[in-house]
Protein backbone atom coordinates (compact mmCIF):
# COMPACT_ATOMS: atom_id res chain seq x y z
CA MET A 1 -18.24 23.69 -64.19
CA HIS A 2 -18.26 27.21 -62.03
CA THR A 3 -14.91 28.65 -63.49
CA GLU A 4 -17.89 31.15 -65.77
CA SER A 5 -17.03 33.98 -64.91
CA ILE A 6 -12.97 33.53 -63.81
CA THR A 7 -10.56 32.13 -65.73
CA LEU A 8 -8.31 29.44 -63.91
CA PRO A 9 -4.07 30.57 -63.81
CA ALA A 10 -2.77 28.12 -66.93
CA LYS A 11 -0.99 24.64 -65.90
CA ASN A 12 1.80 25.36 -64.25
CA THR A 13 1.95 29.07 -64.13
CA PRO A 14 2.72 30.61 -60.80
CA VAL A 15 0.37 32.49 -58.90
CA ALA A 16 1.23 35.68 -56.44
CA THR A 17 0.25 35.53 -53.24
CA GLY A 18 -2.63 38.59 -53.86
CA GLU A 19 -3.96 36.46 -56.81
CA LEU A 20 -4.20 33.46 -55.24
CA ILE A 21 -6.33 35.38 -52.26
CA MET A 22 -8.84 36.33 -54.69
CA LEU A 23 -9.23 33.47 -56.56
CA CYS A 24 -10.20 31.73 -53.00
CA GLU A 25 -13.03 33.97 -52.85
CA PHE A 26 -14.28 33.77 -55.60
CA LEU A 27 -14.15 29.87 -55.26
CA ASP A 28 -15.52 30.15 -51.62
CA MET A 29 -13.00 28.62 -50.30
CA PRO A 30 -12.54 31.33 -47.05
CA GLU A 31 -10.58 29.84 -44.95
CA GLU A 32 -7.77 28.74 -47.63
CA ALA A 33 -8.37 32.51 -48.11
CA GLU A 34 -7.55 33.48 -44.57
CA ILE A 35 -4.30 31.01 -44.55
CA LEU A 36 -3.35 33.20 -47.11
CA ARG A 37 -3.33 35.52 -45.15
CA ALA A 38 -2.37 34.87 -41.71
CA ASP A 39 0.18 33.01 -42.72
CA PRO A 40 0.91 32.77 -46.33
CA PRO A 41 3.87 29.91 -47.40
CA LYS A 42 6.81 30.98 -48.48
CA LYS A 43 7.41 29.13 -52.60
CA VAL A 44 4.44 30.84 -55.21
CA PHE A 45 1.87 28.79 -55.99
CA VAL A 46 1.96 26.88 -58.74
CA SER A 47 -0.79 23.67 -60.14
CA ASP A 48 0.38 21.02 -61.55
CA GLY A 49 -3.53 19.75 -62.47
CA ALA A 50 -4.02 16.45 -61.65
CA SER A 51 -0.14 15.11 -60.23
CA GLY A 52 0.49 12.08 -62.45
CA CYS A 53 -3.03 12.15 -64.46
CA PRO A 54 -2.51 11.18 -67.92
CA ASP A 55 -2.64 15.22 -70.29
CA PHE A 56 -6.71 14.77 -70.09
CA LEU A 57 -7.58 13.79 -67.45
CA SER A 58 -5.98 16.30 -65.78
CA GLU A 59 -7.40 19.23 -67.73
CA MET A 60 -10.45 17.37 -67.64
CA VAL A 61 -10.91 17.64 -63.89
CA TYR A 62 -9.24 20.89 -63.90
CA GLU A 63 -10.78 22.81 -61.19
CA ALA A 64 -11.29 19.93 -58.48
CA ALA A 65 -7.18 19.90 -58.97
CA PHE A 66 -6.36 23.58 -58.97
CA ARG A 67 -8.42 24.10 -55.59
CA HIS A 68 -6.24 20.82 -53.88
CA ASP A 69 -3.06 21.31 -54.67
CA LEU A 70 -3.94 24.53 -53.30
CA ARG A 71 -5.06 23.15 -50.45
CA TYR A 72 -2.46 20.52 -50.70
CA TYR A 73 0.61 23.90 -50.64
CA LEU A 74 -1.12 24.81 -47.95
CA GLY A 75 -0.49 21.78 -45.85
CA GLY A 76 -1.97 21.55 -42.23
CA THR A 77 -2.65 19.17 -39.30
CA PRO A 78 -3.46 15.03 -40.97
CA ASN A 79 -6.96 15.95 -39.79
CA GLN A 80 -6.77 19.33 -42.95
CA ARG A 81 -5.51 16.65 -45.36
CA GLU A 82 -7.89 14.47 -45.53
CA LYS A 83 -10.42 17.55 -45.73
CA ALA A 84 -8.91 18.44 -47.93
CA ASP A 85 -9.10 15.33 -50.14
CA LYS A 86 -12.32 14.13 -49.78
CA GLN A 87 -13.13 17.49 -50.62
CA PHE A 88 -11.30 16.08 -53.88
CA ARG A 89 -13.30 13.84 -53.98
CA ARG A 90 -17.01 15.43 -54.07
CA ASP A 91 -14.94 17.75 -56.32
CA LEU A 92 -14.72 15.12 -58.98
CA ILE A 93 -18.49 14.46 -58.19
CA LYS A 94 -20.32 17.78 -58.08
CA ILE A 95 -17.80 19.93 -60.33
CA HIS A 96 -16.21 17.75 -62.92
CA HIS A 97 -19.46 14.90 -63.35
CA LEU A 98 -17.41 12.09 -63.07
CA PRO A 99 -18.53 9.07 -61.79
CA ARG A 100 -18.22 7.75 -58.22
CA SER A 101 -15.64 4.29 -59.32
CA VAL A 102 -13.08 7.63 -60.67
CA ALA A 103 -13.68 9.84 -57.96
CA ASP A 104 -12.62 7.05 -55.36
CA PHE A 105 -10.26 5.46 -57.34
CA MET A 106 -8.42 9.12 -57.55
CA TYR A 107 -9.30 9.79 -53.81
CA GLN A 108 -7.64 6.66 -53.29
CA ALA A 109 -4.23 7.69 -55.39
CA VAL A 110 -4.36 10.62 -53.54
CA ARG A 111 -4.45 9.60 -50.07
CA ILE A 112 -0.95 7.50 -51.31
CA GLY A 113 0.74 9.18 -53.45
CA GLY A 114 -0.23 12.63 -52.13
CA SER A 115 1.61 11.63 -47.74
CA GLU A 116 4.28 15.06 -46.64
CA GLU A 117 6.76 12.19 -45.95
CA LEU A 118 7.11 11.05 -49.48
CA PRO A 119 10.17 13.31 -51.74
CA THR A 120 7.29 14.97 -54.02
CA SER A 121 6.96 18.20 -55.53
CA TRP A 122 2.67 17.82 -55.00
CA ARG A 123 2.89 16.29 -51.54
CA TRP A 124 1.50 18.04 -48.78
CA GLY A 125 2.27 21.31 -47.57
CA PHE A 126 4.88 21.40 -50.71
CA GLY A 127 4.38 25.39 -50.28
CA ARG A 128 6.62 25.43 -47.35
CA ASP A 129 9.14 23.61 -47.75
């Protein structure tokens, strides 16, 4: 995992904006860090891991899920959502070494289940509700 020098906050733990900015810098997420500095969401960030997945899988892919949850927390345009979902798929393969077929399945799941139109706690832009 990429996080050998840092420990990500535990699943379902609130994370303050300042800590999120530091995590973004460590995780090489400069665009997200800049959004947090310029226009932080009103809600406190909490990652639930891979939403809707069995616990064993959610734990196995936590870094990719954390990154993806952060992007969903920030929200943005439909193009930014698609970019976030594609990055999630790449992270599942690169960071966690999942087979492409599993990463593709999880990509399709977030494309369907992450719509801002659904009344879920993990929908696109959930930090700005």
